[in-house]
Protein backbone atom coordinates (compact mmCIF):
# COMPACT_ATOMS: atom_id res chain seq x y z
CA UNK A 1 -53.72 -6.41 68.59
CA UNK A 2 -55.46 -9.75 69.62
CA UNK A 3 -54.44 -9.06 73.52
CA UNK A 4 -55.91 -5.52 73.11
CA UNK A 5 -59.04 -6.44 71.66
CA UNK A 6 -59.50 -9.35 74.08
CA UNK A 7 -58.84 -6.52 76.80
CA UNK A 8 -61.69 -4.43 75.37
CA UNK A 9 -64.10 -7.31 75.12
CA UNK A 10 -63.33 -8.09 78.70
CA UNK A 11 -63.11 -4.56 80.23
CA UNK A 12 -63.65 -2.06 77.74
CA UNK A 13 -61.49 1.14 77.36
CA UNK A 14 -60.24 1.01 81.11
CA UNK A 15 -58.81 -2.36 80.57
CA UNK A 16 -57.03 -1.43 77.53
CA UNK A 17 -55.64 1.69 79.19
CA UNK A 18 -53.98 -0.51 81.89
CA UNK A 19 -52.23 -2.44 79.27
CA UNK A 20 -51.06 0.79 77.37
CA UNK A 21 -49.42 2.14 80.59
CA UNK A 22 -46.91 -0.51 80.20
CA UNK A 23 -46.31 -0.50 76.37
CA UNK A 24 -43.01 0.37 74.94
CA UNK A 25 -44.59 1.14 71.65
CA UNK A 26 -45.18 4.73 72.06
CA UNK A 27 -46.47 5.27 68.66
CA UNK A 28 -48.82 2.30 68.73
CA UNK A 29 -50.11 3.23 72.25
CA UNK A 30 -50.78 6.68 70.81
CA UNK A 31 -52.88 5.02 67.77
CA UNK A 32 -54.82 3.00 70.34
CA UNK A 33 -55.60 5.94 72.33
CA UNK A 34 -56.79 7.96 69.16
CA UNK A 35 -59.06 4.96 68.39
CA UNK A 36 -60.48 5.06 71.99
CA UNK A 37 -61.18 8.77 71.48
CA UNK A 38 -62.93 8.07 68.02
CA UNK A 39 -65.22 5.61 69.62
CA UNK A 40 -65.90 7.83 72.67
CA UNK A 41 -66.77 10.58 70.22
CA UNK A 42 -69.20 8.53 68.27
CA UNK A 43 -70.80 6.87 71.03
CA UNK A 44 -71.41 10.28 72.79
CA UNK A 45 -72.55 11.89 69.45
CA UNK A 46 -69.83 14.45 69.65
CA UNK A 47 -67.53 15.51 66.73
CA UNK A 48 -64.77 13.02 66.16
CA UNK A 49 -61.15 13.93 67.01
CA UNK A 50 -58.90 14.76 63.70
CA UNK A 51 -57.29 11.59 62.47
CA UNK A 52 -53.71 11.16 62.13
CA UNK A 53 -51.94 12.69 59.04
CA UNK A 54 -49.98 9.56 57.68
CA UNK A 55 -52.08 7.08 55.65
CA UNK A 56 -50.77 4.26 57.37
CA UNK A 57 -51.43 5.40 60.74
CA UNK A 58 -55.05 6.10 59.54
CA UNK A 59 -55.18 2.56 58.19
CA UNK A 60 -53.96 1.23 61.49
CA UNK A 61 -56.56 3.49 63.27
CA UNK A 62 -59.53 1.91 61.36
CA UNK A 63 -58.02 -1.60 62.02
CA UNK A 64 -58.03 -0.96 65.84
CA UNK A 65 -61.53 0.31 65.96
CA UNK A 66 -62.68 -2.62 63.93
CA UNK A 67 -60.79 -4.99 66.10
CA UNK A 68 -62.60 -3.57 69.09
CA UNK A 69 -65.94 -4.42 67.48
CA UNK A 70 -67.03 -0.90 66.96
CA UNK A 71 -67.97 -1.11 63.30
CA UNK A 72 -70.23 1.80 63.14
CA UNK A 73 -67.65 3.87 64.81
CA UNK A 74 -65.18 2.76 62.14
CA UNK A 75 -67.51 3.55 59.37
CA UNK A 76 -67.95 7.37 60.99
CA UNK A 77 -64.18 7.49 61.34
CA UNK A 78 -63.57 6.22 57.67
CA UNK A 79 -65.38 9.49 56.37
CA UNK A 80 -62.59 11.42 57.96
CA UNK A 81 -59.87 9.08 56.58
CA UNK A 82 -59.93 9.70 52.77
CA UNK A 83 -56.35 9.23 51.32
CA UNK A 84 -54.86 12.30 49.78
CA UNK A 85 -54.82 10.35 46.41
CA UNK A 86 -57.14 7.43 46.03
CA UNK A 87 -55.52 6.73 42.50
CA UNK A 88 -52.08 6.54 43.86
CA UNK A 89 -50.37 3.33 43.15
CA UNK A 90 -49.06 3.38 46.78
CA UNK A 91 -50.28 0.11 48.29
CA UNK A 92 -51.10 1.84 51.84
CA UNK A 93 -53.24 4.28 50.14
CA UNK A 94 -54.91 1.75 47.99
CA UNK A 95 -55.52 -0.30 51.08
CA UNK A 96 -56.89 2.57 52.95
CA UNK A 97 -59.34 3.53 49.81
CA UNK A 98 -60.56 -0.04 49.88
CA UNK A 99 -61.26 -0.25 53.47
CA UNK A 100 -63.23 2.93 53.29
CA UNK A 101 -65.15 1.55 50.26
CA UNK A 102 -66.27 -1.44 52.53
CA UNK A 103 -67.23 0.53 55.40
CA UNK A 104 -68.99 3.24 53.37
CA UNK A 105 -71.20 0.72 51.43
CA UNK A 106 -71.58 -1.65 54.45
CA UNK A 107 -75.04 -2.65 55.01
CA UNK A 108 -76.92 -2.15 58.32
CA UNK A 109 -77.41 -5.22 60.54
CA UNK A 110 -80.65 -7.35 59.92
CA UNK A 111 -83.01 -7.32 62.91
CA UNK A 112 -81.76 -9.83 65.38
CA UNK A 113 -78.24 -10.19 64.09
CA UNK A 114 -75.03 -8.99 65.85
CA UNK A 115 -71.86 -7.94 64.60
CA UNK A 116 -68.97 -10.70 64.43
CA UNK A 117 -66.76 -10.42 67.30
CA UNK A 118 -63.86 -11.72 65.25
CA UNK A 119 -60.95 -13.18 67.48
CA UNK A 120 -57.89 -13.36 65.09
CA UNK A 121 -56.44 -16.10 67.19
CA UNK A 122 -59.10 -18.53 66.20
CA UNK A 123 -58.87 -20.73 63.05
CA UNK A 124 -62.67 -21.66 63.30
CA UNK A 125 -65.46 -19.28 64.17
CA UNK A 126 -69.07 -20.53 63.93
CA UNK A 127 -72.03 -18.11 63.86
CA UNK A 128 -75.00 -20.30 63.93
CA UNK A 129 -78.61 -19.41 62.47
CA UNK A 130 -81.30 -20.84 64.12
CA UNK A 131 -83.67 -22.62 61.66
CA UNK A 132 -81.10 -22.54 58.90
CA UNK A 133 -80.42 -25.71 56.76
CA UNK A 134 -77.36 -24.34 55.13
CA UNK A 135 -73.71 -24.03 56.10
CA UNK A 136 -71.49 -21.22 54.54
CA UNK A 137 -67.91 -22.05 55.07
CA UNK A 138 -65.71 -19.06 54.57
CA UNK A 139 -61.94 -19.82 53.44
CA UNK A 140 -60.01 -16.77 54.28
CA UNK A 141 -56.72 -15.71 52.33
CA UNK A 142 -53.27 -15.59 53.35
CA UNK A 143 -53.96 -12.59 55.57
CA UNK A 144 -56.72 -14.29 57.29
CA UNK A 145 -59.29 -12.00 56.11
CA UNK A 146 -61.85 -11.83 53.09
CA UNK A 147 -60.44 -9.14 51.16
CA UNK A 148 -60.93 -7.00 54.42
CA UNK A 149 -61.60 -7.43 57.96
CA UNK A 150 -64.09 -10.59 58.89
CA UNK A 151 -66.08 -8.29 60.97
CA UNK A 152 -66.94 -5.92 58.01
CA UNK A 153 -67.49 -8.76 55.46
CA UNK A 154 -69.86 -10.29 57.94
CA UNK A 155 -72.36 -7.26 57.41
CA UNK A 156 -72.84 -8.73 53.92
CA UNK A 157 -72.84 -12.46 55.01
CA UNK A 158 -75.14 -12.54 57.96
CA UNK A 159 -77.96 -11.40 55.65
CA UNK A 160 -77.70 -14.67 53.91
CA UNK A 161 -79.87 -16.60 56.27
CA UNK A 162 -77.40 -19.44 56.85
CA UNK A 163 -74.94 -20.89 59.37
CA UNK A 164 -71.40 -19.34 58.92
CA UNK A 165 -67.99 -20.72 59.62
CA UNK A 166 -65.10 -18.54 59.23
CA UNK A 167 -61.88 -20.40 58.70
CA UNK A 168 -58.15 -19.79 58.83
CA UNK A 169 -55.22 -21.59 57.74
CA UNK A 170 -52.36 -20.39 60.13
CA UNK A 171 -50.11 -22.86 58.37
CA UNK A 172 -50.13 -21.07 55.03
CA UNK A 173 -50.78 -24.32 53.16
CA UNK A 174 -54.04 -23.20 51.27
CA UNK A 175 -55.99 -25.54 53.83
CA UNK A 176 -54.00 -28.64 52.36
CA UNK A 177 -52.48 -29.31 55.76
CA UNK A 178 -55.75 -29.05 57.52
CA UNK A 179 -57.02 -26.53 60.28
CA UNK A 180 -55.18 -26.95 63.65
CA UNK A 181 -58.35 -27.12 65.80
CA UNK A 182 -60.13 -29.67 63.66
CA UNK A 183 -57.20 -32.19 64.25
CA UNK A 184 -53.94 -33.15 62.38
CA UNK A 185 -53.97 -33.23 58.64
CA UNK A 186 -56.55 -32.63 55.64
CA UNK A 187 -58.69 -35.69 56.24
CA UNK A 188 -59.16 -34.61 59.88
CA UNK A 189 -60.48 -31.13 58.77
CA UNK A 190 -62.86 -32.69 56.42
CA UNK A 191 -64.31 -34.94 58.90
CA UNK A 192 -64.43 -31.91 61.28
CA UNK A 193 -66.13 -29.62 58.62
CA UNK A 194 -68.90 -32.45 57.95
CA UNK A 195 -69.24 -32.70 61.82
CA UNK A 196 -69.99 -28.86 62.32
CA UNK A 197 -72.53 -29.29 59.54
CA UNK A 198 -74.25 -32.25 61.34
CA UNK A 199 -74.07 -30.53 64.59
CA UNK A 200 -75.75 -27.35 63.07
CA UNK A 201 -78.36 -29.29 61.34
CA UNK A 202 -77.38 -28.11 58.01
CA UNK A 203 -78.19 -30.37 54.89
CA UNK A 204 -76.32 -28.14 52.29
CA UNK A 205 -72.62 -26.83 52.34
CA UNK A 206 -71.82 -23.66 50.34
CA UNK A 207 -68.23 -22.23 50.19
CA UNK A 208 -66.84 -18.91 49.80
CA UNK A 209 -63.13 -18.05 49.26
CA UNK A 210 -60.68 -15.35 48.59
CA UNK A 211 -57.00 -15.17 47.47
CA UNK A 212 -55.43 -18.31 48.83
CA UNK A 213 -58.49 -19.22 50.48
CA UNK A 214 -60.31 -19.66 46.98
CA UNK A 215 -58.26 -22.68 46.28
CA UNK A 216 -59.04 -24.06 49.98
CA UNK A 217 -62.82 -23.39 49.16
CA UNK A 218 -62.60 -25.10 45.72
CA UNK A 219 -60.47 -28.01 46.99
CA UNK A 220 -62.28 -28.69 50.28
CA UNK A 221 -65.83 -28.01 48.71
CA UNK A 222 -65.27 -30.83 46.29
CA UNK A 223 -64.50 -33.36 49.15
CA UNK A 224 -67.46 -31.89 51.32
CA UNK A 225 -69.89 -32.23 48.47
CA UNK A 226 -70.57 -28.50 48.52
CA UNK A 227 -73.54 -27.21 46.21
CA UNK A 228 -72.06 -24.00 45.12
CA UNK A 229 -68.70 -22.44 45.54
CA UNK A 230 -68.02 -18.50 45.04
CA UNK A 231 -64.20 -17.39 44.48
CA UNK A 232 -62.91 -13.96 44.79
CA UNK A 233 -59.83 -14.49 42.65
CA UNK A 234 -57.17 -16.95 43.56
CA UNK A 235 -55.19 -19.90 42.41
CA UNK A 236 -56.39 -22.95 40.87
CA UNK A 237 -53.24 -25.00 40.49
CA UNK A 238 -50.28 -25.24 42.85
CA UNK A 239 -47.67 -27.35 40.88
CA UNK A 240 -45.20 -24.71 40.93
CA UNK A 241 -45.68 -23.77 44.57
CA UNK A 242 -44.47 -27.44 45.89
CA UNK A 243 -41.29 -26.13 47.44
CA UNK A 244 -42.72 -23.35 49.39
CA UNK A 245 -45.55 -25.61 50.60
CA UNK A 246 -43.07 -28.44 51.71
CA UNK A 247 -41.18 -25.85 53.49
CA UNK A 248 -44.00 -24.41 55.32
CA UNK A 249 -45.28 -27.95 56.11
CA UNK A 250 -41.78 -28.56 57.65
CA UNK A 251 -42.54 -26.07 60.07
CA UNK A 252 -45.58 -28.09 61.61
CA UNK A 253 -43.20 -30.67 62.97
CA UNK A 254 -42.21 -34.19 62.42
CA UNK A 255 -45.56 -35.54 63.66
CA UNK A 256 -47.69 -33.64 60.98
CA UNK A 257 -49.39 -35.85 58.63
CA UNK A 258 -47.76 -36.00 55.13
CA UNK A 259 -49.10 -33.37 52.65
CA UNK A 260 -50.11 -34.80 49.41
CA UNK A 261 -48.67 -32.70 46.46
CA UNK A 262 -49.84 -35.15 43.81
CA UNK A 263 -53.17 -33.58 43.36
CA UNK A 264 -52.51 -29.57 43.14
CA UNK A 265 -54.22 -29.05 39.86
CA UNK A 266 -57.90 -28.49 40.47
CA UNK A 267 -58.66 -28.58 36.92
CA UNK A 268 -57.71 -32.25 36.91
CA UNK A 269 -59.45 -32.92 40.20
CA UNK A 270 -62.65 -31.38 38.91
CA UNK A 271 -62.65 -32.96 35.58
CA UNK A 272 -62.33 -36.36 36.96
CA UNK A 273 -64.92 -36.00 39.82
CA UNK A 274 -68.19 -37.76 39.05
CA UNK A 275 -70.10 -34.97 40.91
CA UNK A 276 -68.77 -31.59 41.45
CA UNK A 277 -70.18 -28.33 42.81
CA UNK A 278 -71.08 -25.36 40.62
CA UNK A 279 -68.34 -22.90 40.68
CA UNK A 280 -68.29 -19.05 39.99
CA UNK A 281 -64.96 -17.46 39.71
CA UNK A 282 -64.59 -13.57 40.09
CA UNK A 283 -61.56 -11.96 39.00
CA UNK A 284 -60.04 -8.53 37.61
CA UNK A 285 -60.21 -8.62 34.02
CA UNK A 286 -56.89 -6.68 33.73
CA UNK A 287 -55.16 -8.91 36.36
CA UNK A 288 -53.30 -11.31 34.28
CA UNK A 289 -52.22 -13.85 36.86
CA UNK A 290 -55.78 -14.15 38.37
CA UNK A 291 -57.11 -14.45 34.75
CA UNK A 292 -54.91 -17.42 33.87
CA UNK A 293 -55.63 -19.11 37.07
CA UNK A 294 -59.37 -18.69 36.45
CA UNK A 295 -59.29 -19.71 32.81
CA UNK A 296 -57.38 -23.13 33.92
CA UNK A 297 -60.35 -24.13 35.88
CA UNK A 298 -62.64 -22.65 33.47
CA UNK A 299 -62.29 -25.26 31.06
CA UNK A 300 -64.28 -27.66 33.35
CA UNK A 301 -67.85 -27.85 32.82
CA UNK A 302 -70.04 -26.06 35.55
CA UNK A 303 -67.42 -23.62 36.15
CA UNK A 304 -68.42 -19.96 35.34
CA UNK A 305 -65.96 -17.35 35.00
CA UNK A 306 -66.67 -13.58 35.66
CA UNK A 307 -64.00 -11.08 34.66
CA UNK A 308 -64.56 -7.90 36.23
CA UNK A 309 -64.04 -5.26 33.64
CA UNK A 310 -61.65 -2.36 34.44
CA UNK A 311 -60.14 -4.08 37.79
CA UNK A 312 -56.63 -4.95 37.81
CA UNK A 313 -55.96 -5.43 41.51
CA UNK A 314 -56.19 -8.98 43.34
CA UNK A 315 -58.62 -7.89 45.91
CA UNK A 316 -61.81 -7.51 43.78
CA UNK A 317 -64.54 -7.36 46.76
CA UNK A 318 -64.00 -3.66 47.49
CA UNK A 319 -64.23 -2.35 43.76
CA UNK A 320 -67.15 -4.85 43.21
CA UNK A 321 -69.18 -3.47 46.15
CA UNK A 322 -68.46 0.29 45.23
CA UNK A 323 -69.86 -0.71 41.74
CA UNK A 324 -73.11 -2.51 43.51
CA UNK A 325 -72.28 -5.73 41.93
CA UNK A 326 -71.70 -7.93 45.03
CA UNK A 327 -75.13 -8.86 46.06
CA UNK A 328 -76.09 -10.56 42.82
CA UNK A 329 -73.27 -13.17 43.33
CA UNK A 330 -74.30 -13.69 46.92
CA UNK A 331 -77.69 -14.30 45.63
CA UNK A 332 -76.28 -16.79 43.33
CA UNK A 333 -74.27 -18.47 45.89
CA UNK A 334 -76.98 -18.82 48.63
CA UNK A 335 -80.19 -18.92 46.39
CA UNK A 336 -82.71 -16.42 45.16
CA UNK A 337 -84.59 -14.57 47.67
CA UNK A 338 -82.42 -15.53 50.63
CA UNK A 339 -80.65 -11.99 51.44
CA UNK A 340 -82.08 -10.43 54.40
CA UNK A 341 -82.20 -6.43 54.57
CA UNK A 342 -81.16 -4.46 57.54
CA UNK A 343 -83.37 -1.31 58.56
CA UNK A 344 -82.49 1.79 56.43
CA UNK A 345 -79.75 3.88 57.86
CA UNK A 346 -80.52 7.44 58.33
CA UNK A 347 -78.73 9.76 55.81
């Protein structure tokens, strides 16, 4: 997908078509061609072609359109991609339903802003905001997303009036092993993130994390002196995950800096800190694992727990947005009066 997205950015549909001619994945090539047809229909104001029948194919179709940076075309396509049964426990249907919710409620771009051209091969992507004095660090989860594609989440975050740095941990170490492009190891990552803030002229650091990225946001935010941290569910103690972390760390090779496994309990770290960020943790009230993780940290002063009633899933962003409850938490994170509204979309 990354190669095709790069081809699209460089040469549009013709460049992608050249690659597809040599593809052995016939079904995948068919879905890419279907995505191109959806984009062309949207751009030309024509009725969109029928979407595939299978929910998994519909999900892939939307992912391709988003990967090509055609966010408004993806929104239009999503209207025709409703799952057969949105209440089904089938994870594919659930994921499709959530992606449609994000696209359906996605705000318009503020004037002067651009959609994020997300490159999934990059572990650091910086979106500067001229004149801003805040840097928002976005720690993605294990799927390298923020409860959904970064290009879609960016529609909410670009309204915050801050610089943004989107971060991925390709080692799967909850950011404990650092970020490759910032140097080897955790200390190099912290130094690198401080350097990004200085280069942008940011005087305040804010953090946002989802799933395993919430642990990274909390852990790194403490060491960075972040003002506030917003977490969309996620772990707060990794003591039981040490064998898995060490196994993943070994994959980095013998020259990788050692992994500190002696301070994996964030409640202890935060309780011992002289200064700590204000933290707000959102989690599904009916998700026992996420509730337990949040309550573990919630005993520390300055940590606010927000259980979301009626939600049992781990990815809380889509249902929260569908209920109109996401913006207030962004207001809290960034400060009052900071959200920028885009032009009203025609109905």
